[in-house]
Amino acid sequence: MESRKSYTATQATVGDIQPVEGVEHRAAVIYPIIAAGDITGAVVMLMGEDNKVPTETEVKLAHSAAAFLGKQMEE
């Protein structure tokens, strides 16, 4: 996340990133939370048991959540 880029799993990359040690679920979507120009965290959506590629709605939801949290942290 230090590169400030988001990650969205595709059919080719399903299961590439395990964001939490000890948890078997892989990352479906990751968006950095940026406040005052600094990365302060990330919004991570994990895959379910079926390992489906995230929908456009899920990607937009993670993006909106990261933007909202970033603005809230700036205040």
C-alpha atoms as a PDB file:
ATOM      1  CA  MET A   1       0.000   0.000   0.000  1.00  0.00           C
ATOM      2  CA  GLU A   2       2.962   2.338   0.275  1.00  0.00           C
ATOM      3  CA  SER A   3       2.750   2.833  -3.485  1.00  0.00           C
ATOM      4  CA  ARG A   4      -0.770   4.269  -2.996  1.00  0.00           C
ATOM      5  CA  LYS A   5      -2.215   1.841  -5.504  1.00  0.00           C
ATOM      6  CA  SER A   6      -5.345  -0.176  -5.025  1.00  0.00           C
ATOM      7  CA  TYR A   7      -5.629  -3.917  -5.574  1.00  0.00           C
ATOM      8  CA  THR A   8      -8.554  -5.760  -7.078  1.00  0.00           C
ATOM      9  CA  ALA A   9      -8.459  -9.515  -7.524  1.00  0.00           C
ATOM     10  CA  THR A  10      -8.995 -10.798 -11.039  1.00  0.00           C
ATOM     11  CA  GLN A  11      -9.517 -14.304 -12.330  1.00  0.00           C
ATOM     12  CA  ALA A  12      -5.739 -14.606 -12.797  1.00  0.00           C
ATOM     13  CA  THR A  13      -4.789 -13.147  -9.389  1.00  0.00           C
ATOM     14  CA  VAL A  14      -7.417 -14.710  -7.105  1.00  0.00           C
ATOM     15  CA  GLY A  15      -5.755 -15.665  -3.842  1.00  0.00           C
ATOM     16  CA  ASP A  16      -2.511 -13.748  -4.353  1.00  0.00           C
ATOM     17  CA  ILE A  17      -2.680 -11.602  -1.210  1.00  0.00           C
ATOM     18  CA  GLN A  18      -3.311 -12.845   2.321  1.00  0.00           C
ATOM     19  CA  PRO A  19      -3.767  -9.585   4.286  1.00  0.00           C
ATOM     20  CA  VAL A  20      -4.183 -11.085   7.763  1.00  0.00           C
ATOM     21  CA  GLU A  21      -1.814 -13.669   9.161  1.00  0.00           C
ATOM     22  CA  GLY A  22      -3.648 -16.701  10.476  1.00  0.00           C
ATOM     23  CA  VAL A  23      -6.813 -16.037   8.455  1.00  0.00           C
ATOM     24  CA  GLU A  24      -7.359 -18.296   5.469  1.00  0.00           C
ATOM     25  CA  HIS A  25      -9.411 -15.798   3.429  1.00  0.00           C
ATOM     26  CA  ARG A  26      -7.606 -13.863   0.708  1.00  0.00           C
ATOM     27  CA  ALA A  27      -8.034 -10.214  -0.286  1.00  0.00           C
ATOM     28  CA  ALA A  28     -10.622  -9.369  -2.920  1.00  0.00           C
ATOM     29  CA  VAL A  29     -10.210  -5.571  -2.849  1.00  0.00           C
ATOM     30  CA  ILE A  30      -7.724  -3.294  -1.088  1.00  0.00           C
ATOM     31  CA  TYR A  31      -7.866   0.514  -1.164  1.00  0.00           C
ATOM     32  CA  PRO A  32      -5.476   2.752   0.782  1.00  0.00           C
ATOM     33  CA  ILE A  33      -6.886   5.327   3.200  1.00  0.00           C
ATOM     34  CA  ILE A  34      -5.108   8.601   2.466  1.00  0.00           C
ATOM     35  CA  ALA A  35      -5.413  11.492   4.927  1.00  0.00           C
ATOM     36  CA  ALA A  36      -3.428  14.718   4.566  1.00  0.00           C
ATOM     37  CA  GLY A  37      -1.296  13.107   1.871  1.00  0.00           C
ATOM     38  CA  ASP A  38      -0.217  10.203   4.075  1.00  0.00           C
ATOM     39  CA  ILE A  39      -1.354   6.600   4.011  1.00  0.00           C
ATOM     40  CA  THR A  40      -3.090   5.929   7.312  1.00  0.00           C
ATOM     41  CA  GLY A  41      -4.497   2.477   6.645  1.00  0.00           C
ATOM     42  CA  ALA A  42      -6.461   0.461   4.129  1.00  0.00           C
ATOM     43  CA  VAL A  43      -9.954  -0.804   3.462  1.00  0.00           C
ATOM     44  CA  VAL A  44      -9.763  -4.537   2.784  1.00  0.00           C
ATOM     45  CA  MET A  45     -12.587  -6.731   1.545  1.00  0.00           C
ATOM     46  CA  LEU A  46     -11.929 -10.435   1.964  1.00  0.00           C
ATOM     47  CA  MET A  47     -13.118 -13.179  -0.355  1.00  0.00           C
ATOM     48  CA  GLY A  48     -15.779 -15.591   0.758  1.00  0.00           C
ATOM     49  CA  GLU A  49     -15.629 -19.352   0.630  1.00  0.00           C
ATOM     50  CA  ASP A  50     -16.396 -19.392  -3.108  1.00  0.00           C
ATOM     51  CA  ASN A  51     -13.394 -17.185  -4.090  1.00  0.00           C
ATOM     52  CA  LYS A  52     -15.413 -15.154  -6.588  1.00  0.00           C
ATOM     53  CA  VAL A  53     -13.862 -12.152  -8.297  1.00  0.00           C
ATOM     54  CA  PRO A  54     -15.284  -8.947  -6.736  1.00  0.00           C
ATOM     55  CA  THR A  55     -18.036  -7.139  -8.600  1.00  0.00           C
ATOM     56  CA  GLU A  56     -17.801  -3.521  -9.714  1.00  0.00           C
ATOM     57  CA  THR A  57     -20.178  -2.610  -6.871  1.00  0.00           C
ATOM     58  CA  GLU A  58     -17.859  -4.143  -4.276  1.00  0.00           C
ATOM     59  CA  VAL A  59     -14.869  -2.311  -5.745  1.00  0.00           C
ATOM     60  CA  LYS A  60     -16.739   1.021  -5.678  1.00  0.00           C
ATOM     61  CA  LEU A  61     -17.858   0.355  -2.095  1.00  0.00           C
ATOM     62  CA  ALA A  62     -14.273  -0.162  -0.915  1.00  0.00           C
ATOM     63  CA  HIS A  63     -13.147   2.951  -2.805  1.00  0.00           C
ATOM     64  CA  SER A  64     -15.938   5.053  -1.276  1.00  0.00           C
ATOM     65  CA  ALA A  65     -15.196   3.742   2.214  1.00  0.00           C
ATOM     66  CA  ALA A  66     -11.492   4.582   1.883  1.00  0.00           C
ATOM     67  CA  ALA A  67     -12.259   8.086   0.602  1.00  0.00           C
ATOM     68  CA  PHE A  68     -14.774   8.699   3.402  1.00  0.00           C
ATOM     69  CA  LEU A  69     -12.421   7.495   6.126  1.00  0.00           C
ATOM     70  CA  GLY A  70      -9.574   9.577   4.712  1.00  0.00           C
ATOM     71  CA  LYS A  71     -11.688  12.733   4.838  1.00  0.00           C
ATOM     72  CA  GLN A  72     -12.870  11.969   8.363  1.00  0.00           C
ATOM     73  CA  MET A  73      -9.298  11.510   9.581  1.00  0.00           C
ATOM     74  CA  GLU A  74      -8.273  14.881   8.158  1.00  0.00           C
ATOM     75  CA  GLU A  75     -10.735  16.728  10.387  1.00  0.00           C
END
